[in-house]
Amino acid sequence: MNTFDANMKTGHSQQHALFCPVLYTLTLFKDEEKRTVELGFSGGRLLERLLQEPGQVIDRDTLVAYAWSDRVVGPGSLNQQVYTLRKILGDEKNLQIIQTVPRRGYRLNPTYIIEQSRLASATPLPPLATGQATAQPYAAPARAPSGMGRRFMAITAITVAVAGYFFALPSPELYASMQRVGTNTVMYVDQQEPQVKELIKTTRTLSERMIQLSDQPIELAIVGSADGEYQIYCSLHSGQHHVLKLHRDDIQSVSDARLRDCVN
């Protein structure tokens, strides 16, 4: 199932929102104002799943399984998360963006989508000398969505290459530190340089475990978020790409089997 970032209209006049599935954020734009909202893992995953099939009804069980993977939750969790997304999007009264289909599930109204871009495979990261590390913004301009002016492009139309992937991001910069470990590359990514340093400190042992468990040279990208949910992208020498989602509290306890599934 493909994953998309999306530029969406909201329930507020002259406001639009940019969804970034990498960081589980919605960035709201109106006039000169910009506000980024952390959706959290479940909220981000719920919106991500609805955006995968706009206009299609997705049943409740499918949404719960996608947004609360590895967790058992009651039906009220989905109801609350839908309400929270509607409130952020200014749709809690009209219920037109995320629509309820009685006794079936929910659908995302495609008329509110301005543009979607698929997160697709891209050129692998450039090689680094052994031990070399950087901490600087990685950003390149992308084309502006149709009908949008240059100001919008300057604020939001940004892509970054991470472990063989291109991601559209809701801010002009994303900070990353790339490190070479033998024939492997590890990239630590977050929204600010101090957060990258903390991410390295927290996940260095994890990245070393993954390298040891791999049967081939790999490129890893560990993307942090404010709520402690990490996305780990594994780009293999064979050309395959895998994604592992992991909470900060689970780093020490994650099994070798789960890590092998990502790196092999």
C-alpha atoms as a PDB file:
ATOM      1  CA  MET A   1       0.000   0.000   0.000  1.00  0.00           C
ATOM      2  CA  ASN A   2       1.507   3.342  -1.051  1.00  0.00           C
ATOM      3  CA  THR A   3       2.025   6.159   1.432  1.00  0.00           C
ATOM      4  CA  PHE A   4       1.338   9.762   0.464  1.00  0.00           C
ATOM      5  CA  ASP A   5       1.979  13.198   1.788  1.00  0.00           C
ATOM      6  CA  ALA A   6      -0.962  15.477   1.042  1.00  0.00           C
ATOM      7  CA  ASN A   7      -1.902  19.119   0.701  1.00  0.00           C
ATOM      8  CA  MET A   8      -5.530  19.482   1.848  1.00  0.00           C
ATOM      9  CA  LYS A   9      -8.224  22.087   2.240  1.00  0.00           C
ATOM     10  CA  THR A  10      -9.665  22.422   5.725  1.00  0.00           C
ATOM     11  CA  GLY A  11     -13.019  23.497   7.119  1.00  0.00           C
ATOM     12  CA  HIS A  12     -11.694  27.034   7.645  1.00  0.00           C
ATOM     13  CA  SER A  13     -11.821  29.559   4.819  1.00  0.00           C
ATOM     14  CA  GLN A  14      -8.482  30.297   3.140  1.00  0.00           C
ATOM     15  CA  GLN A  15      -6.685  27.668   5.228  1.00  0.00           C
ATOM     16  CA  HIS A  16      -4.931  24.581   3.934  1.00  0.00           C
ATOM     17  CA  ALA A  17      -2.996  21.798   5.657  1.00  0.00           C
ATOM     18  CA  LEU A  18       0.077  19.824   4.668  1.00  0.00           C
ATOM     19  CA  PHE A  19       0.233  16.268   6.034  1.00  0.00           C
ATOM     20  CA  CYS A  20       3.657  14.707   6.560  1.00  0.00           C
ATOM     21  CA  PRO A  21       3.349  10.939   7.216  1.00  0.00           C
ATOM     22  CA  VAL A  22       7.059  10.675   8.031  1.00  0.00           C
ATOM     23  CA  LEU A  23       6.728  12.841  11.133  1.00  0.00           C
ATOM     24  CA  TYR A  24       2.957  12.396  11.784  1.00  0.00           C
ATOM     25  CA  THR A  25       2.334  16.139  11.530  1.00  0.00           C
ATOM     26  CA  LEU A  26      -0.237  18.470  10.000  1.00  0.00           C
ATOM     27  CA  THR A  27       1.019  21.943   9.216  1.00  0.00           C
ATOM     28  CA  LEU A  28      -1.800  24.488   8.917  1.00  0.00           C
ATOM     29  CA  PHE A  29      -1.369  27.576   6.716  1.00  0.00           C
ATOM     30  CA  LYS A  30      -3.571  30.678   6.640  1.00  0.00           C
ATOM     31  CA  ASP A  31      -2.385  34.001   5.264  1.00  0.00           C
ATOM     32  CA  GLU A  32       1.059  34.534   6.843  1.00  0.00           C
ATOM     33  CA  GLU A  33       0.427  32.185   9.750  1.00  0.00           C
ATOM     34  CA  LYS A  34       1.822  28.668  10.004  1.00  0.00           C
ATOM     35  CA  ARG A  35       1.151  26.145  12.789  1.00  0.00           C
ATOM     36  CA  THR A  36       2.366  22.545  13.007  1.00  0.00           C
ATOM     37  CA  VAL A  37       0.309  20.024  14.966  1.00  0.00           C
ATOM     38  CA  GLU A  38       1.754  16.708  16.178  1.00  0.00           C
ATOM     39  CA  LEU A  39      -0.836  14.015  15.425  1.00  0.00           C
ATOM     40  CA  GLY A  40       0.968  11.236  17.253  1.00  0.00           C
ATOM     41  CA  PHE A  41       1.421   7.713  15.930  1.00  0.00           C
ATOM     42  CA  SER A  42      -2.230   6.626  15.913  1.00  0.00           C
ATOM     43  CA  GLY A  43      -3.606   9.914  14.600  1.00  0.00           C
ATOM     44  CA  GLY A  44      -0.987  10.082  11.871  1.00  0.00           C
ATOM     45  CA  ARG A  45      -1.512   6.472  10.867  1.00  0.00           C
ATOM     46  CA  LEU A  46      -5.287   6.933  10.761  1.00  0.00           C
ATOM     47  CA  LEU A  47      -5.053   9.913   8.415  1.00  0.00           C
ATOM     48  CA  GLU A  48      -2.395   8.141   6.370  1.00  0.00           C
ATOM     49  CA  ARG A  49      -4.688   5.144   5.841  1.00  0.00           C
ATOM     50  CA  LEU A  50      -7.643   7.300   4.818  1.00  0.00           C
ATOM     51  CA  LEU A  51      -5.439   9.155   2.333  1.00  0.00           C
ATOM     52  CA  GLN A  52      -4.312   5.901   0.756  1.00  0.00           C
ATOM     53  CA  GLU A  53      -7.809   5.439  -0.710  1.00  0.00           C
ATOM     54  CA  PRO A  54      -9.595   8.801  -0.820  1.00  0.00           C
ATOM     55  CA  GLY A  55     -13.276   8.476  -1.574  1.00  0.00           C
ATOM     56  CA  GLN A  56     -13.341   4.810  -0.581  1.00  0.00           C
ATOM     57  CA  VAL A  57     -15.084   3.559   2.548  1.00  0.00           C
ATOM     58  CA  ILE A  58     -12.594   1.896   4.894  1.00  0.00           C
ATOM     59  CA  ASP A  59     -14.095  -0.317   7.552  1.00  0.00           C
ATOM     60  CA  ARG A  60     -13.462   0.270  11.237  1.00  0.00           C
ATOM     61  CA  ASP A  61     -11.489  -2.942  11.789  1.00  0.00           C
ATOM     62  CA  THR A  62      -9.046  -2.043   9.017  1.00  0.00           C
ATOM     63  CA  LEU A  63      -8.523   1.454  10.420  1.00  0.00           C
ATOM     64  CA  VAL A  64      -7.991   0.167  13.961  1.00  0.00           C
ATOM     65  CA  ALA A  65      -5.499  -2.467  12.809  1.00  0.00           C
ATOM     66  CA  TYR A  66      -3.522   0.154  10.862  1.00  0.00           C
ATOM     67  CA  ALA A  67      -3.556   2.946  13.444  1.00  0.00           C
ATOM     68  CA  TRP A  68      -3.033   0.776  16.527  1.00  0.00           C
ATOM     69  CA  SER A  69      -0.734  -1.954  15.209  1.00  0.00           C
ATOM     70  CA  ASP A  70       0.537  -4.283  17.956  1.00  0.00           C
ATOM     71  CA  ARG A  71      -2.052  -2.859  20.383  1.00  0.00           C
ATOM     72  CA  VAL A  72      -5.561  -3.866  21.397  1.00  0.00           C
ATOM     73  CA  VAL A  73      -7.956  -0.919  21.786  1.00  0.00           C
ATOM     74  CA  GLY A  74     -11.695  -0.488  22.135  1.00  0.00           C
ATOM     75  CA  PRO A  75     -14.030   1.082  19.540  1.00  0.00           C
ATOM     76  CA  GLY A  76     -13.990   4.365  21.439  1.00  0.00           C
ATOM     77  CA  SER A  77     -10.323   4.916  20.540  1.00  0.00           C
ATOM     78  CA  LEU A  78     -11.160   5.175  16.842  1.00  0.00           C
ATOM     79  CA  ASN A  79     -14.124   7.475  17.517  1.00  0.00           C
ATOM     80  CA  GLN A  80     -11.970   9.787  19.636  1.00  0.00           C
ATOM     81  CA  GLN A  81      -9.141   9.875  17.104  1.00  0.00           C
ATOM     82  CA  VAL A  82     -11.523  10.697  14.255  1.00  0.00           C
ATOM     83  CA  TYR A  83     -13.014  13.508  16.337  1.00  0.00           C
ATOM     84  CA  THR A  84      -9.519  14.853  17.103  1.00  0.00           C
ATOM     85  CA  LEU A  85      -8.574  14.891  13.404  1.00  0.00           C
ATOM     86  CA  ARG A  86     -11.849  16.610  12.516  1.00  0.00           C
ATOM     87  CA  LYS A  87     -11.237  19.271  15.139  1.00  0.00           C
ATOM     88  CA  ILE A  88      -7.709  19.964  13.863  1.00  0.00           C
ATOM     89  CA  LEU A  89      -9.059  20.211  10.308  1.00  0.00           C
ATOM     90  CA  GLY A  90     -11.942  22.482  11.352  1.00  0.00           C
ATOM     91  CA  ASP A  91     -14.481  19.813  10.422  1.00  0.00           C
ATOM     92  CA  GLU A  92     -15.935  18.834  13.808  1.00  0.00           C
ATOM     93  CA  LYS A  93     -19.308  20.454  12.980  1.00  0.00           C
ATOM     94  CA  ASN A  94     -19.821  19.854   9.261  1.00  0.00           C
ATOM     95  CA  LEU A  95     -18.254  16.357   9.119  1.00  0.00           C
ATOM     96  CA  GLN A  96     -17.444  16.766   5.423  1.00  0.00           C
ATOM     97  CA  ILE A  97     -13.705  15.991   5.293  1.00  0.00           C
ATOM     98  CA  ILE A  98     -13.718  12.699   7.189  1.00  0.00           C
ATOM     99  CA  GLN A  99     -17.161  11.308   6.515  1.00  0.00           C
ATOM    100  CA  THR A 100     -18.938   8.669   8.584  1.00  0.00           C
ATOM    101  CA  VAL A 101     -20.615   5.866   6.637  1.00  0.00           C
ATOM    102  CA  PRO A 102     -23.069   4.295   9.103  1.00  0.00           C
ATOM    103  CA  ARG A 103     -22.400   0.643  10.000  1.00  0.00           C
ATOM    104  CA  ARG A 104     -19.504   0.540   7.526  1.00  0.00           C
ATOM    105  CA  GLY A 105     -16.655   2.888   8.449  1.00  0.00           C
ATOM    106  CA  TYR A 106     -15.156   6.179   7.293  1.00  0.00           C
ATOM    107  CA  ARG A 107     -14.101   7.797   4.033  1.00  0.00           C
ATOM    108  CA  LEU A 108     -11.939  10.825   3.272  1.00  0.00           C
ATOM    109  CA  ASN A 109     -13.703  13.250   0.949  1.00  0.00           C
ATOM    110  CA  PRO A 110     -11.424  13.573  -2.113  1.00  0.00           C
ATOM    111  CA  THR A 111     -12.725  17.058  -2.940  1.00  0.00           C
ATOM    112  CA  TYR A 112     -10.688  18.352   0.014  1.00  0.00           C
ATOM    113  CA  ILE A 113      -7.394  17.068  -1.398  1.00  0.00           C
ATOM    114  CA  ILE A 114      -5.445  19.699  -3.317  1.00  0.00           C
ATOM    115  CA  GLU A 115      -2.535  17.437  -4.214  1.00  0.00           C
ATOM    116  CA  GLN A 116      -0.949  14.164  -3.148  1.00  0.00           C
ATOM    117  CA  SER A 117       2.625  12.982  -3.690  1.00  0.00           C
ATOM    118  CA  ARG A 118       3.669   9.361  -3.294  1.00  0.00           C
ATOM    119  CA  LEU A 119       6.703   8.585  -1.134  1.00  0.00           C
ATOM    120  CA  ALA A 120       8.737   6.773  -3.755  1.00  0.00           C
ATOM    121  CA  SER A 121      12.103   5.055  -4.071  1.00  0.00           C
ATOM    122  CA  ALA A 122      14.960   7.328  -5.013  1.00  0.00           C
ATOM    123  CA  THR A 123      18.723   7.393  -5.501  1.00  0.00           C
ATOM    124  CA  PRO A 124      20.632   5.920  -2.516  1.00  0.00           C
ATOM    125  CA  LEU A 125      22.545   8.212  -0.189  1.00  0.00           C
ATOM    126  CA  PRO A 126      26.023   9.336  -1.289  1.00  0.00           C
ATOM    127  CA  PRO A 127      28.933   7.447   0.321  1.00  0.00           C
ATOM    128  CA  LEU A 128      30.749   8.940   3.297  1.00  0.00           C
ATOM    129  CA  ALA A 129      34.283   8.441   4.482  1.00  0.00           C
ATOM    130  CA  THR A 130      34.625   6.143   7.506  1.00  0.00           C
ATOM    131  CA  GLY A 131      33.719   7.991  10.684  1.00  0.00           C
ATOM    132  CA  GLN A 132      32.486  11.086   8.867  1.00  0.00           C
ATOM    133  CA  ALA A 133      29.338  12.710  10.212  1.00  0.00           C
ATOM    134  CA  THR A 134      27.372  15.803   9.328  1.00  0.00           C
ATOM    135  CA  ALA A 135      24.647  17.800  11.024  1.00  0.00           C
ATOM    136  CA  GLN A 136      23.104  20.141   8.486  1.00  0.00           C
ATOM    137  CA  PRO A 137      19.824  20.663   6.664  1.00  0.00           C
ATOM    138  CA  TYR A 138      19.078  18.369   3.726  1.00  0.00           C
ATOM    139  CA  ALA A 139      16.549  20.045   1.467  1.00  0.00           C
ATOM    140  CA  ALA A 140      15.877  20.550  -2.213  1.00  0.00           C
ATOM    141  CA  PRO A 141      13.038  22.424  -3.917  1.00  0.00           C
ATOM    142  CA  ALA A 142      10.153  20.496  -5.392  1.00  0.00           C
ATOM    143  CA  ARG A 143       7.599  21.668  -7.922  1.00  0.00           C
ATOM    144  CA  ALA A 144       4.810  23.854  -6.623  1.00  0.00           C
ATOM    145  CA  PRO A 145       1.299  22.367  -6.551  1.00  0.00           C
ATOM    146  CA  SER A 146      -0.923  23.582  -9.354  1.00  0.00           C
ATOM    147  CA  GLY A 147      -2.726  26.791  -8.497  1.00  0.00           C
ATOM    148  CA  MET A 148      -0.361  27.692  -5.667  1.00  0.00           C
ATOM    149  CA  GLY A 149       1.907  30.720  -5.647  1.00  0.00           C
ATOM    150  CA  ARG A 150       5.623  30.921  -4.998  1.00  0.00           C
ATOM    151  CA  ARG A 151       5.161  31.797  -1.312  1.00  0.00           C
ATOM    152  CA  PHE A 152       3.508  28.427  -0.726  1.00  0.00           C
ATOM    153  CA  MET A 153       6.282  26.653  -2.582  1.00  0.00           C
ATOM    154  CA  ALA A 154       8.955  28.392  -0.526  1.00  0.00           C
ATOM    155  CA  ILE A 155       7.293  27.356   2.712  1.00  0.00           C
ATOM    156  CA  THR A 156       6.137  23.819   2.035  1.00  0.00           C
ATOM    157  CA  ALA A 157       7.339  22.297  -1.210  1.00  0.00           C
ATOM    158  CA  ILE A 158      10.455  20.576   0.095  1.00  0.00           C
ATOM    159  CA  THR A 159      11.829  17.070  -0.395  1.00  0.00           C
ATOM    160  CA  VAL A 160      14.640  15.229   1.327  1.00  0.00           C
ATOM    161  CA  ALA A 161      16.338  11.973   0.349  1.00  0.00           C
ATOM    162  CA  VAL A 162      16.550   9.500   3.229  1.00  0.00           C
ATOM    163  CA  ALA A 163      17.878   5.954   2.840  1.00  0.00           C
ATOM    164  CA  GLY A 164      16.721   5.614  -0.727  1.00  0.00           C
ATOM    165  CA  TYR A 165      13.411   7.454  -0.257  1.00  0.00           C
ATOM    166  CA  PHE A 166      12.206  10.981  -1.067  1.00  0.00           C
ATOM    167  CA  PHE A 167       9.950  12.583   1.510  1.00  0.00           C
ATOM    168  CA  ALA A 168       7.917  15.774   1.251  1.00  0.00           C
ATOM    169  CA  LEU A 169       8.287  17.790   4.420  1.00  0.00           C
ATOM    170  CA  PRO A 170       6.226  20.557   6.054  1.00  0.00           C
ATOM    171  CA  SER A 171       9.163  22.884   6.736  1.00  0.00           C
ATOM    172  CA  PRO A 172      12.086  24.317   4.744  1.00  0.00           C
ATOM    173  CA  GLU A 173      14.666  22.260   6.652  1.00  0.00           C
ATOM    174  CA  LEU A 174      15.084  18.834   8.138  1.00  0.00           C
ATOM    175  CA  TYR A 175      18.279  18.176  10.074  1.00  0.00           C
ATOM    176  CA  ALA A 176      20.221  14.969   9.630  1.00  0.00           C
ATOM    177  CA  SER A 177      23.490  13.419  10.700  1.00  0.00           C
ATOM    178  CA  MET A 178      24.970  10.745   8.429  1.00  0.00           C
ATOM    179  CA  GLN A 179      27.552   8.322   9.771  1.00  0.00           C
ATOM    180  CA  ARG A 180      29.485   5.562   8.062  1.00  0.00           C
ATOM    181  CA  VAL A 181      29.852   2.249   9.904  1.00  0.00           C
ATOM    182  CA  GLY A 182      32.070  -0.026   7.838  1.00  0.00           C
ATOM    183  CA  THR A 183      30.173  -0.602   4.582  1.00  0.00           C
ATOM    184  CA  ASN A 184      26.908   0.648   6.116  1.00  0.00           C
ATOM    185  CA  THR A 185      25.404   4.124   6.349  1.00  0.00           C
ATOM    186  CA  VAL A 186      23.201   5.397   9.173  1.00  0.00           C
ATOM    187  CA  MET A 187      21.261   8.661   8.946  1.00  0.00           C
ATOM    188  CA  TYR A 188      19.586  10.198  11.997  1.00  0.00           C
ATOM    189  CA  VAL A 189      16.831  12.664  11.075  1.00  0.00           C
ATOM    190  CA  ASP A 190      14.745  15.131  13.094  1.00  0.00           C
ATOM    191  CA  GLN A 191      13.351  18.650  12.882  1.00  0.00           C
ATOM    192  CA  GLN A 192      16.086  20.430  14.855  1.00  0.00           C
ATOM    193  CA  GLU A 193      19.809  19.833  15.353  1.00  0.00           C
ATOM    194  CA  PRO A 194      19.578  19.312  19.167  1.00  0.00           C
ATOM    195  CA  GLN A 195      16.880  16.700  18.565  1.00  0.00           C
ATOM    196  CA  VAL A 196      19.171  14.896  16.110  1.00  0.00           C
ATOM    197  CA  LYS A 197      21.889  14.705  18.757  1.00  0.00           C
ATOM    198  CA  GLU A 198      19.422  13.258  21.265  1.00  0.00           C
ATOM    199  CA  LEU A 199      18.159  10.803  18.648  1.00  0.00           C
ATOM    200  CA  ILE A 200      21.704   9.552  18.025  1.00  0.00           C
ATOM    201  CA  LYS A 201      22.271   9.092  21.755  1.00  0.00           C
ATOM    202  CA  THR A 202      18.997   7.178  22.158  1.00  0.00           C
ATOM    203  CA  THR A 203      19.194   4.926  19.094  1.00  0.00           C
ATOM    204  CA  ARG A 204      22.894   4.346  18.413  1.00  0.00           C
ATOM    205  CA  THR A 205      22.840   0.927  20.111  1.00  0.00           C
ATOM    206  CA  LEU A 206      19.745   0.019  18.104  1.00  0.00           C
ATOM    207  CA  SER A 207      21.393   0.913  14.782  1.00  0.00           C
ATOM    208  CA  GLU A 208      24.476  -1.130  15.744  1.00  0.00           C
ATOM    209  CA  ARG A 209      22.248  -4.128  16.493  1.00  0.00           C
ATOM    210  CA  MET A 210      20.523  -3.807  13.132  1.00  0.00           C
ATOM    211  CA  ILE A 211      23.820  -3.659  11.279  1.00  0.00           C
ATOM    212  CA  GLN A 212      25.046  -6.777  13.090  1.00  0.00           C
ATOM    213  CA  LEU A 213      21.840  -8.645  12.229  1.00  0.00           C
ATOM    214  CA  SER A 214      21.957  -7.754   8.527  1.00  0.00           C
ATOM    215  CA  ASP A 215      23.227 -10.256   5.959  1.00  0.00           C
ATOM    216  CA  GLN A 216      24.248  -7.490   3.546  1.00  0.00           C
ATOM    217  CA  PRO A 217      25.365  -3.844   3.514  1.00  0.00           C
ATOM    218  CA  ILE A 218      22.482  -1.540   4.443  1.00  0.00           C
ATOM    219  CA  GLU A 219      21.530   2.114   4.681  1.00  0.00           C
ATOM    220  CA  LEU A 220      19.452   3.012   7.729  1.00  0.00           C
ATOM    221  CA  ALA A 221      17.499   6.189   8.390  1.00  0.00           C
ATOM    222  CA  ILE A 222      16.063   6.708  11.844  1.00  0.00           C
ATOM    223  CA  VAL A 223      13.462   9.486  11.810  1.00  0.00           C
ATOM    224  CA  GLY A 224      12.443  10.908  15.180  1.00  0.00           C
ATOM    225  CA  SER A 225       9.267  12.660  16.271  1.00  0.00           C
ATOM    226  CA  ALA A 226       8.184  14.674  19.284  1.00  0.00           C
ATOM    227  CA  ASP A 227       5.923  11.933  20.653  1.00  0.00           C
ATOM    228  CA  GLY A 228       8.679   9.319  20.755  1.00  0.00           C
ATOM    229  CA  GLU A 229       7.546   7.278  17.760  1.00  0.00           C
ATOM    230  CA  TYR A 230      10.475   6.433  15.470  1.00  0.00           C
ATOM    231  CA  GLN A 231      10.321   5.325  11.857  1.00  0.00           C
ATOM    232  CA  ILE A 232      13.314   3.287  10.722  1.00  0.00           C
ATOM    233  CA  TYR A 233      13.879   2.973   6.976  1.00  0.00           C
ATOM    234  CA  CYS A 234      16.098   0.114   5.793  1.00  0.00           C
ATOM    235  CA  SER A 235      17.512   0.354   2.279  1.00  0.00           C
ATOM    236  CA  LEU A 236      19.200  -2.916   1.318  1.00  0.00           C
ATOM    237  CA  HIS A 237      22.008  -3.579  -1.135  1.00  0.00           C
ATOM    238  CA  SER A 238      19.598  -5.870  -3.020  1.00  0.00           C
ATOM    239  CA  GLY A 239      17.382  -2.855  -3.790  1.00  0.00           C
ATOM    240  CA  GLN A 240      14.627  -3.711  -1.313  1.00  0.00           C
ATOM    241  CA  HIS A 241      13.235  -1.186   1.181  1.00  0.00           C
ATOM    242  CA  HIS A 242      11.601  -1.977   4.519  1.00  0.00           C
ATOM    243  CA  VAL A 243      10.092   0.209   7.227  1.00  0.00           C
ATOM    244  CA  LEU A 244       9.975  -0.453  10.974  1.00  0.00           C
ATOM    245  CA  LYS A 245       7.900   1.707  13.331  1.00  0.00           C
ATOM    246  CA  LEU A 246       9.075   1.647  16.930  1.00  0.00           C
ATOM    247  CA  HIS A 247       8.394   3.622  20.099  1.00  0.00           C
ATOM    248  CA  ARG A 248      11.288   5.035  22.100  1.00  0.00           C
ATOM    249  CA  ASP A 249      10.261   2.926  25.120  1.00  0.00           C
ATOM    250  CA  ASP A 250      10.570  -0.278  23.059  1.00  0.00           C
ATOM    251  CA  ILE A 251      14.122   0.226  21.817  1.00  0.00           C
ATOM    252  CA  GLN A 252      15.722  -1.950  24.496  1.00  0.00           C
ATOM    253  CA  SER A 253      13.123  -4.710  24.296  1.00  0.00           C
ATOM    254  CA  VAL A 254      12.547  -5.025  20.538  1.00  0.00           C
ATOM    255  CA  SER A 255      13.305  -8.570  19.403  1.00  0.00           C
ATOM    256  CA  ASP A 256      16.045  -9.594  16.990  1.00  0.00           C
ATOM    257  CA  ALA A 257      13.329 -11.145  14.818  1.00  0.00           C
ATOM    258  CA  ARG A 258      11.619  -7.781  14.220  1.00  0.00           C
ATOM    259  CA  LEU A 259      14.937  -6.130  13.416  1.00  0.00           C
ATOM    260  CA  ARG A 260      15.911  -8.913  11.005  1.00  0.00           C
ATOM    261  CA  ASP A 261      12.619  -8.429   9.152  1.00  0.00           C
ATOM    262  CA  CYS A 262      13.703  -4.843   8.434  1.00  0.00           C
ATOM    263  CA  VAL A 263      17.349  -5.422   7.511  1.00  0.00           C
ATOM    264  CA  ASN A 264      17.075  -8.644   5.466  1.00  0.00           C
END
